[in-house]
Amino acid sequence: MIQRTLTLLSLLLLLLIQNGCSKSPESGRLQIVASIAPLAYFAERIGGDLIAVSVMVPPGGNPHSYEPTPRQMSALSDAALFVKAGSGVEFELDWMPRMLSLNPGLRICDASEEVTLIPLSQEKPAHEAELHGDADHHHGRFDPHYWLSPENGIIIARNIEKALVQADPAHRERYAANALELVAELEALRLDIQNRLAPLKNRSFLVFHPAWGYYAASFGLKQIAAEEEGKTLTPRQLQKVIEQARAAGIRVVFVSPQFSTLQAEAIARDIGGVTGTVDPLARDYQENLRQATGAFLRAMQ
């Protein structure tokens, strides 16, 4: 508690010595902070050379447990806008009140506004479905990874466009034109992925961390998740996942680079399969969804 108090005091001091400007004195660009890398992609595409974007959770960082550095927190004093996922990511739940207490005037864009979130109770891991039946074990929590659906990507684009216009109305037309271009690309991306996946008969894939539920729902696939919220599986839970994977004929266990792969590798060995990597937090949003689609295709054929 003492250490945390000292940290907050240090952050406050850093903020007090900042000039509070929302534009970089060197470039004149609006300073935008995104909580996670995929949201930075959307901001960059819509803001173009009018903005400069930084990301709170770095590559390889786990947004369920990440703690921002004092330098990152102090940089918020120069930000015109903070773009948050807004869907229950633990990093945001833990740190947003502190960010606002240090910079009460910070403008917030909730990228999830108008997105229909999926209750986690509909995406129970393999072991959770058997152990808890139909009970709502998650008490109303939602899957936070909504950005992995191209349809939701279009909503994100619109939300960020609106927030940038509010922060910088003089460039409304530039933001609108960039958003229109991005939305057209995302619609084409959705159709491309749909066409690539259409011939599949087997439409189930196994992920260790349940990040791909919105993607699966968008394209008529079934995500089988081994764990939830980064918790280590017990031996009994591990065995249930192995049995379900065998029953479904699954030979690939997909892992996220933000989490340990040890238990996923154990599952892969027991089903005579391998692990594969798909990244829910890659910055190049469209290319990442194309690469993930290719990986899922190969696994389900």
C-alpha atoms as a PDB file:
ATOM      1  CA  MET A   1       0.000   0.000   0.000  1.00  0.00           C
ATOM      2  CA  ILE A   2       2.841   2.412   0.878  1.00  0.00           C
ATOM      3  CA  GLN A   3       4.634   1.588  -2.379  1.00  0.00           C
ATOM      4  CA  ARG A   4       1.479   2.154  -4.422  1.00  0.00           C
ATOM      5  CA  THR A   5       0.864   5.505  -2.681  1.00  0.00           C
ATOM      6  CA  LEU A   6       4.429   6.607  -3.439  1.00  0.00           C
ATOM      7  CA  THR A   7       3.993   5.563  -7.066  1.00  0.00           C
ATOM      8  CA  LEU A   8       0.803   7.602  -7.418  1.00  0.00           C
ATOM      9  CA  LEU A   9       2.467  10.634  -5.820  1.00  0.00           C
ATOM     10  CA  SER A  10       5.357  10.316  -8.252  1.00  0.00           C
ATOM     11  CA  LEU A  11       2.944  10.160 -11.166  1.00  0.00           C
ATOM     12  CA  LEU A  12       1.098  13.220  -9.911  1.00  0.00           C
ATOM     13  CA  LEU A  13       4.365  15.157  -9.689  1.00  0.00           C
ATOM     14  CA  LEU A  14       5.258  14.163 -13.251  1.00  0.00           C
ATOM     15  CA  LEU A  15       1.869  15.320 -14.449  1.00  0.00           C
ATOM     16  CA  LEU A  16       2.131  18.648 -12.668  1.00  0.00           C
ATOM     17  CA  ILE A  17       5.369  19.515 -14.440  1.00  0.00           C
ATOM     18  CA  GLN A  18       3.907  18.731 -17.877  1.00  0.00           C
ATOM     19  CA  ASN A  19       2.546  21.641 -19.874  1.00  0.00           C
ATOM     20  CA  GLY A  20      -0.829  19.925 -20.436  1.00  0.00           C
ATOM     21  CA  CYS A  21      -0.717  20.445 -24.199  1.00  0.00           C
ATOM     22  CA  SER A  22      -2.610  17.890 -26.318  1.00  0.00           C
ATOM     23  CA  LYS A  23      -0.329  18.326 -29.338  1.00  0.00           C
ATOM     24  CA  SER A  24       3.292  17.337 -29.674  1.00  0.00           C
ATOM     25  CA  PRO A  25       5.349  20.560 -29.808  1.00  0.00           C
ATOM     26  CA  GLU A  26       7.643  18.947 -32.379  1.00  0.00           C
ATOM     27  CA  SER A  27       5.086  17.598 -34.834  1.00  0.00           C
ATOM     28  CA  GLY A  28       1.891  19.490 -34.053  1.00  0.00           C
ATOM     29  CA  ARG A  29       0.012  16.197 -34.192  1.00  0.00           C
ATOM     30  CA  LEU A  30      -2.717  15.189 -31.754  1.00  0.00           C
ATOM     31  CA  GLN A  31      -1.391  12.784 -29.147  1.00  0.00           C
ATOM     32  CA  ILE A  32      -3.563   9.658 -28.916  1.00  0.00           C
ATOM     33  CA  VAL A  33      -3.086   6.807 -26.436  1.00  0.00           C
ATOM     34  CA  ALA A  34      -4.650   3.389 -27.085  1.00  0.00           C
ATOM     35  CA  SER A  35      -4.886   0.745 -24.415  1.00  0.00           C
ATOM     36  CA  ILE A  36      -4.070  -2.149 -26.810  1.00  0.00           C
ATOM     37  CA  ALA A  37      -2.341  -2.395 -30.185  1.00  0.00           C
ATOM     38  CA  PRO A  38      -5.364  -3.334 -32.375  1.00  0.00           C
ATOM     39  CA  LEU A  39      -7.090  -0.109 -31.309  1.00  0.00           C
ATOM     40  CA  ALA A  40      -3.955   1.841 -32.232  1.00  0.00           C
ATOM     41  CA  TYR A  41      -4.273   0.442 -35.766  1.00  0.00           C
ATOM     42  CA  PHE A  42      -7.776   1.878 -36.108  1.00  0.00           C
ATOM     43  CA  ALA A  43      -6.721   5.254 -34.716  1.00  0.00           C
ATOM     44  CA  GLU A  44      -3.734   5.435 -37.065  1.00  0.00           C
ATOM     45  CA  ARG A  45      -5.808   4.549 -40.129  1.00  0.00           C
ATOM     46  CA  ILE A  46      -8.460   7.156 -39.360  1.00  0.00           C
ATOM     47  CA  GLY A  47      -6.207   9.882 -37.964  1.00  0.00           C
ATOM     48  CA  GLY A  48      -3.442   9.517 -40.542  1.00  0.00           C
ATOM     49  CA  ASP A  49      -0.672  12.086 -40.280  1.00  0.00           C
ATOM     50  CA  LEU A  50      -2.833  14.320 -38.100  1.00  0.00           C
ATOM     51  CA  ILE A  51      -2.195  12.188 -35.018  1.00  0.00           C
ATOM     52  CA  ALA A  52       0.555  10.323 -33.176  1.00  0.00           C
ATOM     53  CA  VAL A  53      -0.474   7.119 -31.413  1.00  0.00           C
ATOM     54  CA  SER A  54       1.140   5.278 -28.497  1.00  0.00           C
ATOM     55  CA  VAL A  55       0.026   2.011 -26.912  1.00  0.00           C
ATOM     56  CA  MET A  56      -0.195   1.202 -23.227  1.00  0.00           C
ATOM     57  CA  VAL A  57       0.141  -2.615 -23.377  1.00  0.00           C
ATOM     58  CA  PRO A  58       3.362  -3.373 -25.306  1.00  0.00           C
ATOM     59  CA  PRO A  59       3.896  -6.315 -27.705  1.00  0.00           C
ATOM     60  CA  GLY A  60       3.846  -9.530 -25.691  1.00  0.00           C
ATOM     61  CA  GLY A  61       2.233  -7.784 -22.718  1.00  0.00           C
ATOM     62  CA  ASN A  62      -0.785  -9.400 -21.083  1.00  0.00           C
ATOM     63  CA  PRO A  63      -3.707  -6.931 -20.849  1.00  0.00           C
ATOM     64  CA  HIS A  64      -5.250  -9.048 -18.103  1.00  0.00           C
ATOM     65  CA  SER A  65      -2.378  -8.216 -15.749  1.00  0.00           C
ATOM     66  CA  TYR A  66      -0.315  -5.372 -17.277  1.00  0.00           C
ATOM     67  CA  GLU A  67       0.672  -2.382 -15.139  1.00  0.00           C
ATOM     68  CA  PRO A  68       1.654   0.821 -16.983  1.00  0.00           C
ATOM     69  CA  THR A  69       4.969   2.460 -16.258  1.00  0.00           C
ATOM     70  CA  PRO A  70       5.212   5.908 -14.609  1.00  0.00           C
ATOM     71  CA  ARG A  71       6.428   7.277 -17.957  1.00  0.00           C
ATOM     72  CA  GLN A  72       3.315   5.943 -19.701  1.00  0.00           C
ATOM     73  CA  MET A  73       1.050   7.423 -17.065  1.00  0.00           C
ATOM     74  CA  SER A  74       2.742  10.808 -17.240  1.00  0.00           C
ATOM     75  CA  ALA A  75       2.420  10.827 -21.044  1.00  0.00           C
ATOM     76  CA  LEU A  76      -1.355  10.915 -20.611  1.00  0.00           C
ATOM     77  CA  SER A  77      -1.082  14.580 -19.635  1.00  0.00           C
ATOM     78  CA  ASP A  78      -0.187  15.370 -23.265  1.00  0.00           C
ATOM     79  CA  ALA A  79      -2.912  13.162 -24.751  1.00  0.00           C
ATOM     80  CA  ALA A  80      -5.932  14.570 -26.546  1.00  0.00           C
ATOM     81  CA  LEU A  81      -7.697  11.213 -26.415  1.00  0.00           C
ATOM     82  CA  PHE A  82      -7.467   7.819 -24.736  1.00  0.00           C
ATOM     83  CA  VAL A  83      -8.973   4.931 -26.734  1.00  0.00           C
ATOM     84  CA  LYS A  84     -10.048   2.076 -24.461  1.00  0.00           C
ATOM     85  CA  ALA A  85     -11.417  -1.355 -25.287  1.00  0.00           C
ATOM     86  CA  GLY A  86     -14.237  -0.808 -22.800  1.00  0.00           C
ATOM     87  CA  SER A  87     -15.204  -4.472 -22.656  1.00  0.00           C
ATOM     88  CA  GLY A  88     -13.862  -5.574 -19.283  1.00  0.00           C
ATOM     89  CA  VAL A  89     -10.130  -5.881 -19.967  1.00  0.00           C
ATOM     90  CA  GLU A  90      -8.603  -6.108 -16.492  1.00  0.00           C
ATOM     91  CA  PHE A  91      -5.861  -3.585 -17.241  1.00  0.00           C
ATOM     92  CA  GLU A  92      -8.468  -0.921 -17.967  1.00  0.00           C
ATOM     93  CA  LEU A  93     -10.694  -1.832 -15.026  1.00  0.00           C
ATOM     94  CA  ASP A  94      -7.734  -1.546 -12.665  1.00  0.00           C
ATOM     95  CA  TRP A  95      -6.110   1.587 -14.057  1.00  0.00           C
ATOM     96  CA  MET A  96      -8.755   3.848 -15.618  1.00  0.00           C
ATOM     97  CA  PRO A  97      -9.818   5.389 -12.283  1.00  0.00           C
ATOM     98  CA  ARG A  98      -6.172   6.228 -11.534  1.00  0.00           C
ATOM     99  CA  MET A  99      -5.621   7.664 -14.999  1.00  0.00           C
ATOM    100  CA  LEU A 100      -8.627   9.936 -14.607  1.00  0.00           C
ATOM    101  CA  SER A 101      -7.655  10.956 -11.097  1.00  0.00           C
ATOM    102  CA  LEU A 102      -4.287  12.100 -12.441  1.00  0.00           C
ATOM    103  CA  ASN A 103      -5.748  13.747 -15.547  1.00  0.00           C
ATOM    104  CA  PRO A 104      -9.464  14.525 -15.008  1.00  0.00           C
ATOM    105  CA  GLY A 105      -9.762  16.327 -18.346  1.00  0.00           C
ATOM    106  CA  LEU A 106      -8.633  13.352 -20.451  1.00  0.00           C
ATOM    107  CA  ARG A 107     -11.097  12.634 -23.269  1.00  0.00           C
ATOM    108  CA  ILE A 108     -12.079   8.925 -23.435  1.00  0.00           C
ATOM    109  CA  CYS A 109     -13.213   6.961 -26.490  1.00  0.00           C
ATOM    110  CA  ASP A 110     -14.955   3.701 -25.615  1.00  0.00           C
ATOM    111  CA  ALA A 111     -14.286   1.638 -28.744  1.00  0.00           C
ATOM    112  CA  SER A 112     -16.908  -0.944 -27.685  1.00  0.00           C
ATOM    113  CA  GLU A 113     -19.839   1.475 -27.804  1.00  0.00           C
ATOM    114  CA  GLU A 114     -22.729  -0.124 -29.764  1.00  0.00           C
ATOM    115  CA  VAL A 115     -20.949  -3.522 -29.841  1.00  0.00           C
ATOM    116  CA  THR A 116     -23.024  -6.496 -28.662  1.00  0.00           C
ATOM    117  CA  LEU A 117     -20.780  -8.263 -26.164  1.00  0.00           C
ATOM    118  CA  ILE A 118     -20.920 -12.037 -25.718  1.00  0.00           C
ATOM    119  CA  PRO A 119     -21.450 -13.271 -22.132  1.00  0.00           C
ATOM    120  CA  LEU A 120     -18.623 -15.522 -21.023  1.00  0.00           C
ATOM    121  CA  SER A 121     -21.235 -17.986 -19.811  1.00  0.00           C
ATOM    122  CA  GLN A 122     -21.838 -18.801 -23.486  1.00  0.00           C
ATOM    123  CA  GLU A 123     -18.136 -19.569 -24.016  1.00  0.00           C
ATOM    124  CA  LYS A 124     -17.344 -21.889 -21.139  1.00  0.00           C
ATOM    125  CA  PRO A 125     -14.095 -23.808 -21.462  1.00  0.00           C
ATOM    126  CA  ALA A 126     -14.314 -27.534 -22.138  1.00  0.00           C
ATOM    127  CA  HIS A 127     -13.856 -28.429 -18.474  1.00  0.00           C
ATOM    128  CA  GLU A 128     -16.161 -25.608 -17.313  1.00  0.00           C
ATOM    129  CA  ALA A 129     -19.091 -26.861 -19.377  1.00  0.00           C
ATOM    130  CA  GLU A 130     -19.025 -30.253 -17.661  1.00  0.00           C
ATOM    131  CA  LEU A 131     -18.234 -29.107 -14.141  1.00  0.00           C
ATOM    132  CA  HIS A 132     -20.856 -26.348 -13.968  1.00  0.00           C
ATOM    133  CA  GLY A 133     -23.551 -27.449 -16.395  1.00  0.00           C
ATOM    134  CA  ASP A 134     -25.842 -24.583 -17.402  1.00  0.00           C
ATOM    135  CA  ALA A 135     -25.134 -22.454 -14.337  1.00  0.00           C
ATOM    136  CA  ASP A 136     -23.831 -18.944 -14.983  1.00  0.00           C
ATOM    137  CA  HIS A 137     -20.417 -19.481 -13.456  1.00  0.00           C
ATOM    138  CA  HIS A 138     -19.149 -16.127 -14.714  1.00  0.00           C
ATOM    139  CA  HIS A 139     -21.786 -13.960 -13.031  1.00  0.00           C
ATOM    140  CA  GLY A 140     -22.570 -11.795 -16.046  1.00  0.00           C
ATOM    141  CA  ARG A 141     -19.022 -11.060 -17.285  1.00  0.00           C
ATOM    142  CA  PHE A 142     -18.383 -10.630 -20.992  1.00  0.00           C
ATOM    143  CA  ASP A 143     -15.769 -11.830 -23.427  1.00  0.00           C
ATOM    144  CA  PRO A 144     -13.592  -8.722 -23.915  1.00  0.00           C
ATOM    145  CA  HIS A 145     -12.042  -9.693 -27.298  1.00  0.00           C
ATOM    146  CA  TYR A 146     -14.750  -8.199 -29.523  1.00  0.00           C
ATOM    147  CA  TRP A 147     -12.286  -6.521 -31.930  1.00  0.00           C
ATOM    148  CA  LEU A 148     -11.478  -9.881 -33.584  1.00  0.00           C
ATOM    149  CA  SER A 149     -14.734  -9.735 -35.560  1.00  0.00           C
ATOM    150  CA  PRO A 150     -14.541  -7.581 -38.730  1.00  0.00           C
ATOM    151  CA  GLU A 151     -18.144  -6.452 -38.164  1.00  0.00           C
ATOM    152  CA  ASN A 152     -17.110  -5.116 -34.782  1.00  0.00           C
ATOM    153  CA  GLY A 153     -14.044  -3.597 -36.423  1.00  0.00           C
ATOM    154  CA  ILE A 154     -16.410  -1.418 -38.461  1.00  0.00           C
ATOM    155  CA  ILE A 155     -18.098  -0.256 -35.251  1.00  0.00           C
ATOM    156  CA  ILE A 156     -14.681   0.501 -33.731  1.00  0.00           C
ATOM    157  CA  ALA A 157     -13.787   2.592 -36.780  1.00  0.00           C
ATOM    158  CA  ARG A 158     -16.963   4.624 -36.449  1.00  0.00           C
ATOM    159  CA  ASN A 159     -16.449   5.164 -32.721  1.00  0.00           C
ATOM    160  CA  ILE A 160     -12.880   6.378 -33.184  1.00  0.00           C
ATOM    161  CA  GLU A 161     -13.886   8.621 -36.076  1.00  0.00           C
ATOM    162  CA  LYS A 162     -16.518  10.249 -33.860  1.00  0.00           C
ATOM    163  CA  ALA A 163     -14.041  10.720 -31.008  1.00  0.00           C
ATOM    164  CA  LEU A 164     -11.383  12.260 -33.268  1.00  0.00           C
ATOM    165  CA  VAL A 165     -13.915  14.684 -34.745  1.00  0.00           C
ATOM    166  CA  GLN A 166     -14.916  15.746 -31.240  1.00  0.00           C
ATOM    167  CA  ALA A 167     -11.282  16.267 -30.277  1.00  0.00           C
ATOM    168  CA  ASP A 168     -10.329  17.996 -33.545  1.00  0.00           C
ATOM    169  CA  PRO A 169     -13.415  19.237 -35.419  1.00  0.00           C
ATOM    170  CA  ALA A 170     -11.332  21.295 -37.862  1.00  0.00           C
ATOM    171  CA  HIS A 171     -10.291  18.070 -39.623  1.00  0.00           C
ATOM    172  CA  ARG A 172     -13.711  16.419 -39.648  1.00  0.00           C
ATOM    173  CA  GLU A 173     -13.661  15.744 -43.398  1.00  0.00           C
ATOM    174  CA  ARG A 174     -10.226  14.088 -43.303  1.00  0.00           C
ATOM    175  CA  TYR A 175     -11.287  11.757 -40.516  1.00  0.00           C
ATOM    176  CA  ALA A 176     -14.557  10.906 -42.279  1.00  0.00           C
ATOM    177  CA  ALA A 177     -12.793  10.096 -45.565  1.00  0.00           C
ATOM    178  CA  ASN A 178     -10.213   7.883 -43.845  1.00  0.00           C
ATOM    179  CA  ALA A 179     -12.924   6.071 -41.875  1.00  0.00           C
ATOM    180  CA  LEU A 180     -14.957   5.479 -45.049  1.00  0.00           C
ATOM    181  CA  GLU A 181     -11.930   3.917 -46.742  1.00  0.00           C
ATOM    182  CA  LEU A 182     -11.197   1.697 -43.753  1.00  0.00           C
ATOM    183  CA  VAL A 183     -14.801   0.526 -43.444  1.00  0.00           C
ATOM    184  CA  ALA A 184     -14.795  -0.513 -47.121  1.00  0.00           C
ATOM    185  CA  GLU A 185     -11.616  -2.528 -46.511  1.00  0.00           C
ATOM    186  CA  LEU A 186     -13.115  -4.237 -43.468  1.00  0.00           C
ATOM    187  CA  GLU A 187     -16.254  -5.196 -45.382  1.00  0.00           C
ATOM    188  CA  ALA A 188     -14.055  -6.713 -48.089  1.00  0.00           C
ATOM    189  CA  LEU A 189     -11.990  -8.495 -45.437  1.00  0.00           C
ATOM    190  CA  ARG A 190     -15.119 -10.029 -43.914  1.00  0.00           C
ATOM    191  CA  LEU A 191     -16.275 -11.352 -47.293  1.00  0.00           C
ATOM    192  CA  ASP A 192     -12.821 -12.713 -48.087  1.00  0.00           C
ATOM    193  CA  ILE A 193     -12.599 -14.623 -44.798  1.00  0.00           C
ATOM    194  CA  GLN A 194     -16.168 -15.887 -45.180  1.00  0.00           C
ATOM    195  CA  ASN A 195     -15.409 -17.238 -48.654  1.00  0.00           C
ATOM    196  CA  ARG A 196     -12.186 -18.904 -47.524  1.00  0.00           C
ATOM    197  CA  LEU A 197     -13.908 -20.669 -44.635  1.00  0.00           C
ATOM    198  CA  ALA A 198     -17.101 -21.615 -46.492  1.00  0.00           C
ATOM    199  CA  PRO A 199     -15.951 -25.045 -47.824  1.00  0.00           C
ATOM    200  CA  LEU A 200     -14.996 -26.361 -44.380  1.00  0.00           C
ATOM    201  CA  LYS A 201     -16.949 -29.331 -43.023  1.00  0.00           C
ATOM    202  CA  ASN A 202     -15.143 -29.545 -39.674  1.00  0.00           C
ATOM    203  CA  ARG A 203     -15.685 -26.120 -38.115  1.00  0.00           C
ATOM    204  CA  SER A 204     -14.272 -26.557 -34.584  1.00  0.00           C
ATOM    205  CA  PHE A 205     -10.899 -25.312 -33.384  1.00  0.00           C
ATOM    206  CA  LEU A 206      -9.174 -25.493 -29.999  1.00  0.00           C
ATOM    207  CA  VAL A 207      -7.584 -22.459 -28.343  1.00  0.00           C
ATOM    208  CA  PHE A 208      -5.910 -22.421 -24.978  1.00  0.00           C
ATOM    209  CA  HIS A 209      -6.943 -18.842 -24.143  1.00  0.00           C
ATOM    210  CA  PRO A 210     -10.536 -18.073 -25.231  1.00  0.00           C
ATOM    211  CA  ALA A 211      -9.875 -14.977 -27.349  1.00  0.00           C
ATOM    212  CA  TRP A 212     -11.529 -15.946 -30.643  1.00  0.00           C
ATOM    213  CA  GLY A 213     -15.205 -16.275 -29.739  1.00  0.00           C
ATOM    214  CA  TYR A 214     -16.341 -13.224 -31.736  1.00  0.00           C
ATOM    215  CA  TYR A 215     -14.364 -14.368 -34.772  1.00  0.00           C
ATOM    216  CA  ALA A 216     -15.935 -17.824 -34.490  1.00  0.00           C
ATOM    217  CA  ALA A 217     -19.444 -16.384 -34.139  1.00  0.00           C
ATOM    218  CA  SER A 218     -18.928 -14.178 -37.205  1.00  0.00           C
ATOM    219  CA  PHE A 219     -17.989 -17.061 -39.467  1.00  0.00           C
ATOM    220  CA  GLY A 220     -20.029 -19.986 -38.169  1.00  0.00           C
ATOM    221  CA  LEU A 221     -17.154 -21.691 -36.367  1.00  0.00           C
ATOM    222  CA  LYS A 222     -16.968 -23.256 -32.907  1.00  0.00           C
ATOM    223  CA  GLN A 223     -14.243 -22.150 -30.527  1.00  0.00           C
ATOM    224  CA  ILE A 224     -13.316 -24.788 -27.927  1.00  0.00           C
ATOM    225  CA  ALA A 225     -11.419 -23.054 -25.116  1.00  0.00           C
ATOM    226  CA  ALA A 226      -9.177 -24.830 -22.637  1.00  0.00           C
ATOM    227  CA  GLU A 227      -8.921 -22.187 -19.943  1.00  0.00           C
ATOM    228  CA  GLU A 228     -10.356 -18.908 -18.785  1.00  0.00           C
ATOM    229  CA  GLU A 229      -8.816 -15.690 -17.476  1.00  0.00           C
ATOM    230  CA  GLY A 230      -5.269 -17.046 -17.578  1.00  0.00           C
ATOM    231  CA  LYS A 231      -5.819 -19.578 -14.797  1.00  0.00           C
ATOM    232  CA  THR A 232      -3.704 -22.739 -14.681  1.00  0.00           C
ATOM    233  CA  LEU A 233      -5.709 -25.895 -15.335  1.00  0.00           C
ATOM    234  CA  THR A 234      -5.888 -28.622 -12.704  1.00  0.00           C
ATOM    235  CA  PRO A 235      -4.943 -32.167 -13.817  1.00  0.00           C
ATOM    236  CA  ARG A 236      -8.623 -33.107 -13.966  1.00  0.00           C
ATOM    237  CA  GLN A 237      -9.477 -30.056 -16.074  1.00  0.00           C
ATOM    238  CA  LEU A 238      -6.539 -30.788 -18.373  1.00  0.00           C
ATOM    239  CA  GLN A 239      -7.809 -34.323 -18.920  1.00  0.00           C
ATOM    240  CA  LYS A 240     -11.314 -33.084 -19.800  1.00  0.00           C
ATOM    241  CA  VAL A 241      -9.871 -30.785 -22.465  1.00  0.00           C
ATOM    242  CA  ILE A 242      -7.806 -33.652 -23.908  1.00  0.00           C
ATOM    243  CA  GLU A 243     -10.865 -35.894 -24.069  1.00  0.00           C
ATOM    244  CA  GLN A 244     -12.943 -33.252 -25.844  1.00  0.00           C
ATOM    245  CA  ALA A 245     -10.161 -32.536 -28.352  1.00  0.00           C
ATOM    246  CA  ARG A 246      -9.842 -36.253 -29.146  1.00  0.00           C
ATOM    247  CA  ALA A 247     -13.594 -36.590 -29.591  1.00  0.00           C
ATOM    248  CA  ALA A 248     -13.618 -33.665 -32.035  1.00  0.00           C
ATOM    249  CA  GLY A 249     -10.618 -34.969 -33.976  1.00  0.00           C
ATOM    250  CA  ILE A 250      -8.599 -31.871 -33.158  1.00  0.00           C
ATOM    251  CA  ARG A 251      -4.822 -31.981 -33.651  1.00  0.00           C
ATOM    252  CA  VAL A 252      -3.823 -28.323 -33.185  1.00  0.00           C
ATOM    253  CA  VAL A 253      -3.908 -26.321 -29.944  1.00  0.00           C
ATOM    254  CA  PHE A 254      -3.759 -22.583 -30.651  1.00  0.00           C
ATOM    255  CA  VAL A 255      -1.892 -20.411 -28.160  1.00  0.00           C
ATOM    256  CA  SER A 256      -1.571 -16.665 -27.664  1.00  0.00           C
ATOM    257  CA  PRO A 257       1.949 -15.194 -27.350  1.00  0.00           C
ATOM    258  CA  GLN A 258       0.868 -13.308 -24.217  1.00  0.00           C
ATOM    259  CA  PHE A 259       0.435 -16.545 -22.196  1.00  0.00           C
ATOM    260  CA  SER A 260       2.524 -19.502 -21.107  1.00  0.00           C
ATOM    261  CA  THR A 261       2.405 -22.403 -23.568  1.00  0.00           C
ATOM    262  CA  LEU A 262       3.370 -25.198 -21.169  1.00  0.00           C
ATOM    263  CA  GLN A 263      -0.100 -26.645 -20.609  1.00  0.00           C
ATOM    264  CA  ALA A 264      -1.062 -26.186 -24.254  1.00  0.00           C
ATOM    265  CA  GLU A 265       2.016 -28.180 -25.239  1.00  0.00           C
ATOM    266  CA  ALA A 266       0.991 -30.914 -22.789  1.00  0.00           C
ATOM    267  CA  ILE A 267      -2.460 -31.093 -24.413  1.00  0.00           C
ATOM    268  CA  ALA A 268      -0.897 -31.231 -27.889  1.00  0.00           C
ATOM    269  CA  ARG A 269       1.363 -34.120 -26.878  1.00  0.00           C
ATOM    270  CA  ASP A 270      -1.518 -36.127 -25.461  1.00  0.00           C
ATOM    271  CA  ILE A 271      -3.690 -35.707 -28.564  1.00  0.00           C
ATOM    272  CA  GLY A 272      -0.776 -36.458 -30.888  1.00  0.00           C
ATOM    273  CA  GLY A 273      -0.857 -32.917 -32.250  1.00  0.00           C
ATOM    274  CA  VAL A 274       1.007 -29.630 -32.250  1.00  0.00           C
ATOM    275  CA  THR A 275       0.601 -26.081 -31.029  1.00  0.00           C
ATOM    276  CA  GLY A 276       0.039 -23.100 -33.321  1.00  0.00           C
ATOM    277  CA  THR A 277       0.160 -19.389 -32.580  1.00  0.00           C
ATOM    278  CA  VAL A 278      -2.565 -16.833 -33.264  1.00  0.00           C
ATOM    279  CA  ASP A 279      -2.200 -13.366 -31.752  1.00  0.00           C
ATOM    280  CA  PRO A 280      -5.349 -11.548 -30.585  1.00  0.00           C
ATOM    281  CA  LEU A 281      -3.349  -8.362 -29.982  1.00  0.00           C
ATOM    282  CA  ALA A 282      -1.299  -7.903 -33.158  1.00  0.00           C
ATOM    283  CA  ARG A 283      -1.148  -4.291 -34.318  1.00  0.00           C
ATOM    284  CA  ASP A 284      -1.679  -4.888 -38.058  1.00  0.00           C
ATOM    285  CA  TYR A 285      -5.347  -5.754 -37.690  1.00  0.00           C
ATOM    286  CA  GLN A 286      -6.275  -6.826 -41.202  1.00  0.00           C
ATOM    287  CA  GLU A 287      -3.123  -8.810 -41.924  1.00  0.00           C
ATOM    288  CA  ASN A 288      -3.426 -10.511 -38.547  1.00  0.00           C
ATOM    289  CA  LEU A 289      -6.978 -11.705 -39.264  1.00  0.00           C
ATOM    290  CA  ARG A 290      -5.855 -13.026 -42.638  1.00  0.00           C
ATOM    291  CA  GLN A 291      -2.968 -14.931 -41.059  1.00  0.00           C
ATOM    292  CA  ALA A 292      -5.194 -16.311 -38.281  1.00  0.00           C
ATOM    293  CA  THR A 293      -7.737 -17.443 -40.884  1.00  0.00           C
ATOM    294  CA  GLY A 294      -5.024 -19.333 -42.729  1.00  0.00           C
ATOM    295  CA  ALA A 295      -3.912 -21.022 -39.503  1.00  0.00           C
ATOM    296  CA  PHE A 296      -7.467 -22.036 -38.582  1.00  0.00           C
ATOM    297  CA  LEU A 297      -8.106 -23.293 -42.112  1.00  0.00           C
ATOM    298  CA  ARG A 298      -5.073 -25.575 -42.059  1.00  0.00           C
ATOM    299  CA  ALA A 299      -6.037 -26.915 -38.622  1.00  0.00           C
ATOM    300  CA  MET A 300      -9.657 -27.681 -39.526  1.00  0.00           C
ATOM    301  CA  GLN A 301      -9.080 -29.317 -42.922  1.00  0.00           C
END
